[in-house]
Amino acid sequence: MTAPTLIWQKSTFSQEQGDCVELAATAAGAVLIRESDEPGVVLSTTPSALARFLQAIKHGAAAT
């Protein structure tokens, strides 16, 4: 049996030349995050943890 192919989505803030953040969702419900220049390095998180992280960034909490 082969592993399912992940569909990576590039951030709308990414540029064509690189520096891209890409996300993919797994069948098990995890969210995978990678940087396009290092596609072999993948972080895994949950949708709720990612949402909390993004909210912290929007509110400036992640900068401290």
Protein backbone atom coordinates (compact mmCIF):
# COMPACT_ATOMS: atom_id res chain seq x y z
CA MET A 1 0.00 0.00 0.00
CA THR A 2 1.37 3.46 -0.89
CA ALA A 3 1.18 6.53 1.29
CA PRO A 4 -1.35 9.15 0.19
CA THR A 5 0.05 12.12 -1.70
CA LEU A 6 -0.05 15.33 0.28
CA ILE A 7 -1.40 18.46 -1.37
CA TRP A 8 0.79 21.36 -0.28
CA GLN A 9 -0.68 24.87 -0.38
CA LYS A 10 1.54 27.91 -0.58
CA SER A 11 0.82 30.97 1.54
CA THR A 12 -0.81 33.84 -0.33
CA PHE A 13 1.93 36.07 1.13
CA SER A 14 4.69 34.01 -0.49
CA GLN A 15 6.59 35.27 -3.48
CA GLU A 16 7.45 33.42 -6.67
CA GLN A 17 11.22 33.44 -5.99
CA GLY A 18 11.01 31.39 -2.80
CA ASP A 19 10.61 32.13 0.89
CA CYS A 20 7.35 30.21 0.80
CA VAL A 21 5.50 28.72 3.72
CA GLU A 22 3.47 25.69 2.66
CA LEU A 23 0.74 23.80 4.52
CA ALA A 24 -0.79 20.37 4.01
CA ALA A 25 -3.50 18.49 5.88
CA THR A 26 -3.27 14.79 6.63
CA ALA A 27 -6.13 12.30 6.65
CA ALA A 28 -5.57 11.94 10.41
CA GLY A 29 -6.29 15.66 10.93
CA ALA A 30 -2.76 16.97 11.45
CA VAL A 31 -1.50 20.14 9.80
CA LEU A 32 1.96 19.94 8.26
CA ILE A 33 4.10 23.04 7.75
CA ARG A 34 7.27 23.39 5.70
CA GLU A 35 9.44 26.07 4.13
CA SER A 36 9.82 25.64 0.38
CA ASP A 37 13.61 25.96 0.43
CA GLU A 38 13.83 22.97 2.85
CA PRO A 39 10.93 20.68 1.81
CA GLY A 40 12.34 17.73 3.74
CA VAL A 41 11.95 19.56 7.07
CA VAL A 42 8.30 19.28 8.07
CA LEU A 43 6.62 20.39 11.28
CA SER A 44 3.39 18.79 12.45
CA THR A 45 0.70 20.41 14.59
CA THR A 46 -3.03 20.37 15.20
CA PRO A 47 -5.48 22.80 13.61
CA SER A 48 -6.33 24.32 17.00
CA ALA A 49 -2.68 24.84 17.99
CA LEU A 50 -1.96 26.47 14.62
CA ALA A 51 -4.99 28.75 15.05
CA ARG A 52 -3.76 29.82 18.51
CA PHE A 53 -0.28 30.49 17.11
CA LEU A 54 -1.65 32.60 14.26
CA GLN A 55 -3.84 34.58 16.67
CA ALA A 56 -0.80 35.23 18.87
CA ILE A 57 1.11 36.54 15.85
CA LYS A 58 -1.78 38.81 14.85
CA HIS A 59 -1.92 40.24 18.37
CA GLY A 60 1.85 40.65 18.70
CA ALA A 61 2.22 38.07 21.49
CA ALA A 62 4.65 35.91 19.50
CA ALA A 63 7.14 38.77 19.16
CA THR A 64 8.10 38.73 22.84
